[in-house]
N, C-alpha and C. Protein backbone atom coordinates (compact mmCIF):
# COMPACT_ATOMS: atom_id res chain seq x y z
N UNK A 1 38.53 19.48 0.02
CA UNK A 1 39.15 18.23 -0.37
C UNK A 1 38.93 17.30 0.90
N UNK A 2 38.99 17.18 1.25
CA UNK A 2 38.97 15.91 2.52
C UNK A 2 37.22 15.72 2.57
N UNK A 3 36.08 16.22 2.33
CA UNK A 3 35.03 15.84 2.34
C UNK A 3 34.69 14.93 0.69
N UNK A 4 35.89 15.09 -0.21
CA UNK A 4 35.37 14.85 -1.14
C UNK A 4 36.30 13.43 -1.21
N UNK A 5 37.22 13.37 -0.53
CA UNK A 5 37.79 11.95 -0.30
C UNK A 5 36.99 10.98 0.50
N UNK A 6 36.07 11.49 1.36
CA UNK A 6 35.47 11.19 2.60
C UNK A 6 34.23 10.56 1.24
N UNK A 7 33.28 11.07 0.72
CA UNK A 7 32.38 11.00 -0.55
C UNK A 7 32.62 9.71 -1.17
N UNK A 8 34.03 9.62 -1.30
CA UNK A 8 34.79 8.55 -2.70
C UNK A 8 34.65 7.24 -1.74
N UNK A 9 35.70 7.28 -0.65
CA UNK A 9 34.94 6.34 0.27
C UNK A 9 34.18 5.52 0.58
N UNK A 10 33.34 6.36 0.84
CA UNK A 10 31.62 6.23 1.41
C UNK A 10 31.09 5.53 -0.28
N UNK A 11 31.35 5.61 -1.77
CA UNK A 11 31.04 5.54 -2.80
C UNK A 11 31.58 3.51 -2.28
N UNK A 12 33.20 3.94 -2.52
CA UNK A 12 33.47 2.39 -2.58
C UNK A 12 33.52 1.77 -1.80
N UNK A 13 33.07 1.91 -0.36
CA UNK A 13 32.38 1.00 0.53
C UNK A 13 31.17 0.52 0.18
N UNK A 14 30.36 1.42 -0.15
CA UNK A 14 28.64 0.97 -0.74
C UNK A 14 28.89 -0.25 -2.19
N UNK A 15 29.43 0.64 -2.76
CA UNK A 15 29.92 -0.54 -4.43
C UNK A 15 30.40 -1.83 -3.96
N UNK A 16 31.04 -1.83 -2.72
CA UNK A 16 31.67 -3.36 -2.58
C UNK A 16 30.78 -4.33 -1.74
N UNK A 17 30.02 -3.47 -0.87
CA UNK A 17 28.60 -4.14 -0.44
C UNK A 17 27.89 -4.61 -1.47
N UNK A 18 27.55 -4.10 -2.21
CA UNK A 18 26.47 -4.25 -3.49
C UNK A 18 27.28 -5.29 -4.16
N UNK A 19 28.40 -5.43 -4.70
CA UNK A 19 29.02 -6.34 -5.46
C UNK A 19 28.99 -7.70 -4.40
N UNK A 20 28.85 -7.48 -3.69
CA UNK A 20 29.08 -8.84 -2.60
C UNK A 20 27.71 -9.82 -2.32
N UNK A 21 27.00 -8.23 -1.95
CA UNK A 21 25.61 -8.86 -1.40
C UNK A 21 24.64 -9.04 -2.34
N UNK A 22 24.92 -8.31 -3.66
CA UNK A 22 23.29 -7.94 -4.09
C UNK A 22 22.49 -9.58 -4.51
N UNK A 23 23.18 -10.49 -5.04
CA UNK A 23 22.80 -11.53 -5.07
C UNK A 23 21.65 -12.27 -3.68
N UNK A 24 22.32 -11.85 -2.81
CA UNK A 24 21.56 -12.85 -1.82
C UNK A 24 20.44 -11.65 -1.11
N UNK A 25 21.06 -10.35 -2.02
CA UNK A 25 19.55 -9.31 -1.06
C UNK A 25 18.18 -9.90 -2.44
N UNK A 26 18.58 -10.07 -3.38
CA UNK A 26 17.86 -10.18 -4.83
C UNK A 26 17.36 -11.79 -4.33
N UNK A 27 17.42 -12.59 -3.80
CA UNK A 27 17.42 -14.00 -3.33
C UNK A 27 16.29 -13.96 -2.50
N UNK A 28 17.21 -13.57 -1.70
CA UNK A 28 16.14 -13.38 -0.09
C UNK A 28 14.62 -12.64 -0.81
N UNK A 29 14.83 -11.17 -1.30
CA UNK A 29 13.59 -10.85 -1.85
C UNK A 29 12.33 -11.59 -2.40
N UNK A 30 13.25 -12.08 -3.58
CA UNK A 30 12.35 -13.11 -4.25
C UNK A 30 11.51 -14.14 -3.64
N UNK A 31 12.10 -14.81 -2.47
CA UNK A 31 11.54 -15.66 -1.69
C UNK A 31 10.51 -14.87 -0.53
N UNK A 32 10.63 -14.01 -0.28
CA UNK A 32 9.99 -13.36 0.54
C UNK A 32 8.35 -12.80 -0.28
N UNK A 33 8.68 -12.14 -1.54
CA UNK A 33 7.76 -11.78 -2.40
C UNK A 33 6.93 -12.55 -2.97
N UNK A 34 7.49 -13.74 -3.70
CA UNK A 34 7.01 -14.78 -4.52
C UNK A 34 6.70 -14.10 -5.71
N UNK A 35 7.77 -13.01 -6.12
CA UNK A 35 7.55 -12.37 -7.36
C UNK A 35 8.92 -11.97 -8.20
N UNK A 36 9.69 -12.45 -9.19
CA UNK A 36 10.95 -11.89 -9.35
C UNK A 36 10.74 -10.43 -9.94
N UNK A 37 10.09 -9.72 -10.37
CA UNK A 37 10.26 -8.51 -10.62
C UNK A 37 9.74 -7.87 -9.11
N UNK A 38 8.72 -7.81 -8.34
CA UNK A 38 9.11 -7.43 -7.01
C UNK A 38 10.06 -7.63 -6.37
N UNK A 39 10.79 -8.73 -6.53
CA UNK A 39 11.91 -8.61 -5.88
C UNK A 39 12.80 -7.72 -6.63
N UNK A 40 12.96 -7.13 -7.79
CA UNK A 40 13.63 -6.31 -8.23
C UNK A 40 13.67 -4.69 -7.65
N UNK A 41 12.13 -4.66 -7.57
CA UNK A 41 11.55 -3.33 -7.31
C UNK A 41 12.43 -2.97 -5.37
N UNK A 42 11.70 -4.37 -4.65
CA UNK A 42 12.36 -4.17 -3.52
C UNK A 42 13.70 -4.04 -3.35
N UNK A 43 14.58 -4.76 -3.93
CA UNK A 43 16.12 -4.95 -3.72
C UNK A 43 16.54 -3.46 -4.26
N UNK A 44 16.09 -2.79 -5.13
CA UNK A 44 16.26 -1.07 -5.55
C UNK A 44 15.90 -0.24 -4.37
N UNK A 45 14.89 -0.60 -3.77
CA UNK A 45 14.43 0.62 -2.94
C UNK A 45 15.04 0.71 -1.50
N UNK A 46 15.52 -0.80 -1.08
CA UNK A 46 16.70 -1.18 -0.36
C UNK A 46 18.06 -0.74 -0.42
N UNK A 47 18.45 -0.73 -1.49
CA UNK A 47 19.63 -0.14 -1.72
C UNK A 47 19.73 1.22 -1.91
N UNK A 48 18.94 1.97 -2.29
CA UNK A 48 18.57 3.31 -1.50
C UNK A 48 19.00 3.60 -0.56
N UNK A 49 17.86 2.42 0.10
CA UNK A 49 17.91 2.95 1.61
C UNK A 49 19.12 2.72 2.19
N UNK A 50 20.09 1.69 1.75
CA UNK A 50 21.11 1.43 2.16
C UNK A 50 21.73 2.52 2.04
N UNK A 51 21.98 3.12 0.82
CA UNK A 51 22.95 4.01 0.89
C UNK A 51 22.25 5.23 1.52
N UNK A 52 21.20 5.71 1.96
CA UNK A 52 20.79 6.83 2.71
C UNK A 52 21.52 6.76 4.07
N UNK A 53 21.26 5.56 4.89
CA UNK A 53 21.80 5.01 6.35
C UNK A 53 22.97 4.68 6.36
N UNK A 54 23.65 4.36 5.49
CA UNK A 54 25.59 3.72 5.21
C UNK A 54 25.74 3.96 6.59
N UNK A 55 26.53 5.27 6.90
CA UNK A 55 26.78 5.62 8.03
C UNK A 55 26.41 4.96 9.46
N UNK A 56 25.30 4.71 9.49
CA UNK A 56 24.70 3.85 10.49
C UNK A 56 25.57 2.53 10.34
N UNK A 57 25.63 1.67 9.72
CA UNK A 57 26.66 0.75 9.97
C UNK A 57 27.97 1.00 10.32
N UNK A 58 28.26 0.51 11.72
CA UNK A 58 29.51 0.50 12.22
C UNK A 58 30.35 -0.49 12.33
N UNK A 59 29.27 -2.30 12.29
CA UNK A 59 30.07 -3.21 12.03
C UNK A 59 30.17 -3.70 10.55
N UNK A 60 31.55 -3.63 10.23
CA UNK A 60 31.59 -4.57 8.35
C UNK A 60 30.85 -5.86 8.70
N UNK A 61 31.24 -6.49 9.62
CA UNK A 61 31.27 -7.90 9.60
C UNK A 61 29.18 -7.91 9.72
N UNK A 62 28.78 -7.06 10.03
CA UNK A 62 27.26 -7.30 10.34
C UNK A 62 26.60 -7.00 8.60
N UNK A 63 27.18 -6.47 7.85
CA UNK A 63 27.14 -5.40 6.86
C UNK A 63 25.56 -6.75 5.89
N UNK A 64 25.86 -7.93 6.04
CA UNK A 64 24.83 -8.59 5.01
C UNK A 64 23.79 -9.28 5.97
N UNK A 65 23.78 -9.21 7.13
CA UNK A 65 22.47 -8.88 7.79
C UNK A 65 21.59 -7.74 7.72
N UNK A 66 22.57 -6.53 7.58
CA UNK A 66 21.93 -5.35 8.03
C UNK A 66 21.32 -5.20 6.30
N UNK A 67 21.86 -5.85 5.53
CA UNK A 67 21.14 -5.41 4.48
C UNK A 67 19.65 -6.08 4.18
N UNK A 68 20.29 -7.06 4.42
CA UNK A 68 18.68 -8.09 4.45
C UNK A 68 17.90 -8.06 5.36
N UNK A 69 17.85 -7.43 6.52
CA UNK A 69 17.21 -6.79 7.40
C UNK A 69 16.51 -5.74 6.65
N UNK A 70 16.91 -4.63 5.70
CA UNK A 70 16.38 -3.85 5.21
C UNK A 70 15.57 -4.39 3.87
N UNK A 71 15.95 -5.21 3.30
CA UNK A 71 15.24 -6.11 2.46
C UNK A 71 13.79 -6.40 2.70
N UNK A 72 13.81 -6.90 3.79
CA UNK A 72 12.64 -7.29 4.61
C UNK A 72 11.63 -6.47 4.41
N UNK A 73 12.54 -5.27 5.54
CA UNK A 73 11.61 -4.23 5.74
C UNK A 73 10.82 -3.69 4.54
N UNK A 74 11.49 -3.40 3.33
CA UNK A 74 11.19 -2.85 2.19
C UNK A 74 9.73 -3.61 1.64
N UNK A 75 10.30 -4.87 1.64
CA UNK A 75 9.08 -6.16 1.36
C UNK A 75 8.03 -6.04 1.85
N UNK A 76 7.81 -5.44 3.30
CA UNK A 76 6.69 -5.15 3.86
C UNK A 76 6.40 -3.96 3.46
N UNK A 77 7.11 -2.90 3.61
CA UNK A 77 6.63 -1.61 2.96
C UNK A 77 5.62 -1.85 1.49
N UNK A 78 6.35 -2.67 0.67
CA UNK A 78 6.00 -2.91 -0.85
C UNK A 78 4.58 -3.44 -0.62
N UNK A 79 4.56 -4.11 0.14
CA UNK A 79 3.01 -4.86 -0.20
C UNK A 79 1.99 -4.03 1.09
N UNK A 80 2.07 -2.76 1.79
CA UNK A 80 2.02 -1.99 2.37
C UNK A 80 1.14 -0.91 1.18
N UNK A 81 2.14 -0.74 0.63
CA UNK A 81 1.74 0.56 -0.06
C UNK A 81 1.40 0.08 -1.55
N UNK A 82 1.57 -1.20 -2.03
CA UNK A 82 1.29 -1.46 -3.49
C UNK A 82 -0.10 -2.20 -3.50
N UNK A 83 -0.85 -2.02 -4.42
CA UNK A 83 -2.01 -3.04 -4.99
C UNK A 83 -1.51 -3.67 -6.34
N UNK A 84 -1.47 -4.74 -6.02
CA UNK A 84 -0.47 -6.14 -6.97
C UNK A 84 -2.15 -5.87 -7.79
N UNK A 85 -1.53 -5.90 -9.33
CA UNK A 85 -2.09 -6.11 -10.25
C UNK A 85 -2.47 -7.23 -10.89
N UNK A 86 -3.99 -8.25 -11.55
CA UNK A 86 -3.91 -8.86 -12.04
C UNK A 86 -4.24 -9.06 -13.35
N UNK A 87 -4.18 -9.87 -14.12
CA UNK A 87 -4.20 -10.06 -15.52
C UNK A 87 -5.14 -11.08 -15.81
N UNK A 88 -5.83 -10.91 -16.91
CA UNK A 88 -7.23 -11.75 -17.53
C UNK A 88 -6.72 -12.68 -18.58
N UNK A 89 -6.39 -13.68 -17.89
CA UNK A 89 -5.98 -14.49 -18.87
C UNK A 89 -6.73 -14.80 -20.61
N UNK A 90 -7.83 -14.81 -20.07
CA UNK A 90 -8.51 -14.61 -21.46
C UNK A 90 -7.91 -13.51 -22.64
N UNK A 91 -7.53 -12.37 -22.08
CA UNK A 91 -6.85 -11.61 -22.69
C UNK A 91 -5.44 -11.28 -23.10
N UNK A 92 -4.73 -12.67 -23.19
CA UNK A 92 -3.32 -12.69 -23.45
C UNK A 92 -3.13 -12.70 -24.92
N UNK A 93 -2.02 -12.22 -24.98
CA UNK A 93 -1.73 -12.13 -26.44
C UNK A 93 -1.02 -13.40 -26.94
N UNK A 94 -1.02 -13.92 -28.13
CA UNK A 94 -0.70 -15.70 -28.59
C UNK A 94 0.57 -15.74 -27.93
N UNK A 95 1.58 -15.34 -27.68
CA UNK A 95 3.10 -14.91 -27.20
C UNK A 95 3.02 -15.44 -25.30
N UNK A 96 2.04 -14.79 -24.92
CA UNK A 96 2.19 -14.52 -23.74
C UNK A 96 1.11 -16.10 -23.41
N UNK A 97 0.58 -16.27 -23.53
CA UNK A 97 -0.30 -18.01 -23.71
C UNK A 97 0.43 -18.89 -24.24
N UNK A 98 1.34 -18.71 -24.76
CA UNK A 98 2.03 -19.69 -24.88
C UNK A 98 3.11 -19.81 -24.06
N UNK A 99 3.45 -18.75 -23.30
CA UNK A 99 4.37 -19.59 -22.22
C UNK A 99 3.44 -20.05 -21.05
N UNK A 100 2.41 -19.92 -20.59
CA UNK A 100 1.72 -20.71 -19.74
C UNK A 100 1.51 -22.40 -20.29
N UNK A 101 1.75 -22.24 -21.66
CA UNK A 101 1.39 -23.71 -22.22
C UNK A 101 2.75 -24.53 -21.77
N UNK A 102 4.02 -24.19 -21.60
CA UNK A 102 4.92 -24.46 -21.37
C UNK A 102 4.94 -25.60 -20.76
N UNK A 103 5.91 -26.73 -20.50
CA UNK A 103 6.04 -27.80 -19.75
C UNK A 103 7.05 -27.55 -18.76
N UNK A 104 6.75 -27.45 -17.69
CA UNK A 104 6.91 -26.68 -16.48
C UNK A 104 8.09 -28.28 -15.31
N UNK A 105 8.65 -28.65 -14.62
CA UNK A 105 9.23 -29.26 -14.07
C UNK A 105 7.84 -29.52 -13.04
N UNK A 106 7.47 -30.57 -12.68
CA UNK A 106 6.28 -30.50 -12.26
C UNK A 106 6.60 -30.71 -11.02
N UNK A 107 7.25 -31.28 -10.36
CA UNK A 107 8.28 -31.73 -8.96
C UNK A 107 9.08 -30.40 -8.35
N UNK A 108 9.46 -29.88 -9.45
CA UNK A 108 10.36 -28.45 -8.56
C UNK A 108 8.85 -27.17 -8.82
N UNK A 109 7.95 -27.06 -8.96
CA UNK A 109 6.94 -26.39 -8.70
C UNK A 109 6.54 -26.52 -7.93
N UNK A 110 6.11 -28.21 -7.37
CA UNK A 110 5.36 -28.74 -6.43
C UNK A 110 5.84 -28.17 -5.02
N UNK A 111 7.61 -28.56 -5.29
CA UNK A 111 8.03 -28.05 -4.28
C UNK A 111 8.14 -26.42 -3.33
N UNK A 112 8.39 -25.52 -5.13
CA UNK A 112 8.34 -24.01 -4.91
C UNK A 112 6.86 -23.59 -4.31
N UNK A 113 6.04 -24.46 -4.75
CA UNK A 113 4.27 -23.79 -4.32
C UNK A 113 4.31 -24.41 -3.02
N UNK A 114 4.72 -25.49 -2.55
CA UNK A 114 4.94 -25.97 -1.15
C UNK A 114 5.32 -25.13 -0.06
N UNK A 115 6.80 -24.57 -0.50
CA UNK A 115 7.50 -23.52 -0.01
C UNK A 115 7.16 -22.29 0.41
N UNK A 116 6.14 -21.57 -0.80
CA UNK A 116 5.47 -20.48 -1.21
C UNK A 116 4.13 -20.39 0.04
N UNK A 117 3.46 -21.33 -0.45
CA UNK A 117 2.19 -21.16 0.85
C UNK A 117 2.94 -22.21 2.44
N UNK A 118 3.74 -22.07 2.91
CA UNK A 118 4.49 -21.83 4.76
C UNK A 118 3.77 -20.37 4.98
N UNK A 119 3.54 -20.55 6.23
CA UNK A 119 3.66 -19.14 6.93
C UNK A 119 4.33 -18.72 6.66
N UNK A 120 4.46 -17.28 6.74
CA UNK A 120 5.53 -16.54 6.75
C UNK A 120 6.74 -16.67 7.90
N UNK A 121 6.05 -17.34 9.12
CA UNK A 121 7.15 -17.22 9.89
C UNK A 121 7.72 -18.87 9.67
N UNK A 122 7.62 -19.54 9.32
CA UNK A 122 8.21 -20.98 8.70
C UNK A 122 9.16 -21.15 7.80
N UNK A 123 8.25 -20.19 6.52
CA UNK A 123 9.32 -19.83 5.45
C UNK A 123 10.18 -19.14 5.07
N UNK A 124 10.11 -17.73 5.98
CA UNK A 124 11.66 -17.37 6.25
C UNK A 124 12.52 -17.68 6.75
N UNK A 125 12.24 -18.58 7.78
CA UNK A 125 14.06 -18.75 8.81
C UNK A 125 14.29 -20.35 7.14
N UNK A 126 13.03 -21.32 7.06
CA UNK A 126 13.80 -21.87 5.94
C UNK A 126 14.74 -21.27 4.92
N UNK A 127 13.57 -20.48 4.35
CA UNK A 127 14.66 -19.84 3.30
C UNK A 127 16.06 -18.98 4.06
N UNK A 128 16.17 -18.19 4.88
CA UNK A 128 17.68 -18.05 5.22
C UNK A 128 18.35 -18.96 5.24
N UNK A 129 17.81 -20.49 6.10
CA UNK A 129 18.71 -21.36 6.43
C UNK A 129 19.24 -22.13 4.79
N UNK A 130 18.33 -22.21 4.34
CA UNK A 130 19.03 -23.50 3.27
C UNK A 130 19.66 -22.48 1.90
N UNK A 131 18.47 -21.29 1.57
CA UNK A 131 19.19 -20.74 0.73
C UNK A 131 20.35 -19.48 0.76
N UNK A 132 19.86 -19.42 1.91
CA UNK A 132 21.19 -17.86 1.89
C UNK A 132 22.14 -18.52 3.36
N UNK A 133 22.07 -19.89 3.86
CA UNK A 133 23.36 -20.36 4.59
C UNK A 133 23.28 -19.75 5.78
N UNK A 134 22.20 -19.22 6.53
CA UNK A 134 22.79 -18.48 7.67
C UNK A 134 22.70 -19.45 8.74
N UNK A 135 23.30 -19.79 9.93
CA UNK A 135 22.82 -20.31 11.02
C UNK A 135 22.19 -19.93 11.61
N UNK A 136 21.68 -20.60 12.43
CA UNK A 136 20.68 -20.72 13.51
C UNK A 136 20.37 -19.62 14.30
N UNK A 137 21.95 -19.37 14.75
CA UNK A 137 21.94 -18.06 15.46
C UNK A 137 21.74 -16.78 14.59
N UNK A 138 22.24 -16.94 13.25
CA UNK A 138 22.60 -15.71 12.90
C UNK A 138 20.40 -15.69 12.34
N UNK A 139 20.35 -16.46 12.08
CA UNK A 139 18.30 -16.12 11.84
C UNK A 139 17.82 -15.58 12.94
N UNK A 140 18.58 -16.01 13.80
CA UNK A 140 17.67 -16.04 15.45
C UNK A 140 18.11 -14.59 15.65
N UNK A 141 18.92 -13.87 15.52
CA UNK A 141 19.33 -12.10 15.50
C UNK A 141 18.47 -11.50 14.49
N UNK A 142 18.80 -12.10 13.65
CA UNK A 142 17.81 -11.33 12.22
C UNK A 142 16.65 -11.17 12.63
N UNK A 143 15.78 -12.17 13.04
CA UNK A 143 14.47 -12.35 13.09
C UNK A 143 13.99 -11.62 14.33
N UNK A 144 14.96 -11.72 15.32
CA UNK A 144 14.87 -11.01 16.40
C UNK A 144 13.83 -12.16 17.50
N UNK A 145 14.42 -13.42 17.27
CA UNK A 145 13.96 -14.62 18.21
C UNK A 145 15.19 -15.14 19.11
N UNK A 146 14.61 -15.92 19.83
CA UNK A 146 15.56 -17.07 20.31
C UNK A 146 15.91 -17.97 19.66
N UNK A 147 17.11 -19.05 19.65
CA UNK A 147 17.85 -19.91 18.83
C UNK A 147 16.39 -20.99 18.97
N UNK A 148 16.15 -20.85 20.52
CA UNK A 148 15.38 -22.63 20.35
C UNK A 148 13.79 -22.07 19.72
N UNK A 149 13.19 -20.96 19.41
CA UNK A 149 12.05 -20.29 18.68
C UNK A 149 12.61 -20.84 17.18
N UNK A 150 13.43 -20.33 16.80
CA UNK A 150 14.32 -20.65 14.96
C UNK A 150 14.10 -22.30 14.56
N UNK A 151 14.64 -22.93 15.95
CA UNK A 151 15.06 -24.41 15.61
C UNK A 151 13.44 -24.90 15.28
N UNK A 152 12.54 -24.56 16.37
CA UNK A 152 11.27 -25.34 16.13
C UNK A 152 10.59 -25.10 15.35
N UNK A 153 10.46 -23.52 14.35
CA UNK A 153 9.98 -22.89 13.24
C UNK A 153 10.91 -23.84 12.44
N UNK A 154 11.76 -24.02 11.95
CA UNK A 154 12.54 -24.78 10.97
C UNK A 154 12.32 -26.34 11.11
N UNK A 155 12.07 -26.42 12.23
CA UNK A 155 11.43 -28.49 12.02
C UNK A 155 9.84 -28.01 11.34
N UNK A 156 9.11 -27.53 12.16
CA UNK A 156 7.63 -27.04 11.57
C UNK A 156 7.62 -27.07 10.03
N UNK A 157 8.58 -26.17 9.61
CA UNK A 157 8.70 -26.10 7.98
C UNK A 157 9.08 -27.34 7.21
N UNK A 158 9.83 -27.98 7.43
CA UNK A 158 10.36 -29.16 7.12
C UNK A 158 8.95 -29.95 7.22
N UNK A 159 8.81 -30.21 8.34
CA UNK A 159 7.42 -31.22 8.54
C UNK A 159 6.51 -30.94 7.54
N UNK A 160 6.15 -29.75 7.58
CA UNK A 160 4.70 -28.96 6.78
C UNK A 160 5.44 -29.37 5.29
N UNK A 161 6.46 -29.14 4.86
CA UNK A 161 7.07 -29.15 3.29
C UNK A 161 7.13 -30.93 2.94
N UNK A 162 7.08 -31.90 3.89
CA UNK A 162 7.52 -33.21 3.97
C UNK A 162 6.09 -33.54 3.89
N UNK A 163 5.36 -32.85 4.34
CA UNK A 163 3.55 -33.19 4.18
C UNK A 163 2.70 -33.26 3.13
N UNK A 164 3.56 -31.50 2.41
CA UNK A 164 3.11 -31.22 1.50
C UNK A 164 3.61 -31.98 0.21
N UNK A 165 4.85 -32.48 -0.07
CA UNK A 165 5.46 -32.91 -1.15
C UNK A 165 4.60 -34.37 -1.26
N UNK A 166 4.13 -35.07 0.04
CA UNK A 166 4.01 -36.31 0.30
C UNK A 166 2.58 -36.65 -0.66
N UNK A 167 1.83 -35.55 -0.42
CA UNK A 167 0.35 -35.23 -1.25
C UNK A 167 1.08 -35.19 -2.79
N UNK A 168 0.18 -35.83 -3.57
CA UNK A 168 -0.27 -35.79 -4.86
C UNK A 168 -0.23 -34.86 -5.47
């Protein structure tokens, strides 16, 4: 009887983490992978890995960082084991081709592209700070860096973005 109660509490604890942090995990994975469908796969794998190692999480306050670290590692694993498919645009169906013809927001696309083109060392701390709301101390802890290194990377990331956005 005790083990079913423990299993129920474990499941409830996991469900609470998922409810609170799933969106953050997905947003982070999307920025790391630069692809929404890959991000979904990465988050799914990260959640499975988190479930299996839930007992390793001792500090409830560290749950978000713990989950995002799992996402970062799963993203790396994904690209180690997957070979991404390419699509021949000459063979698209009419509806697929129509999607290519949509008028995008050029300024937003330019900003996204500039962020995607940043080296991982600069993009990751920028995404963690701007999109995820992490402090430089939290970023340093998550990335295994000193706070000064994070500040330097953030400064360089912003300078590179500013430079890229100034280009026509």
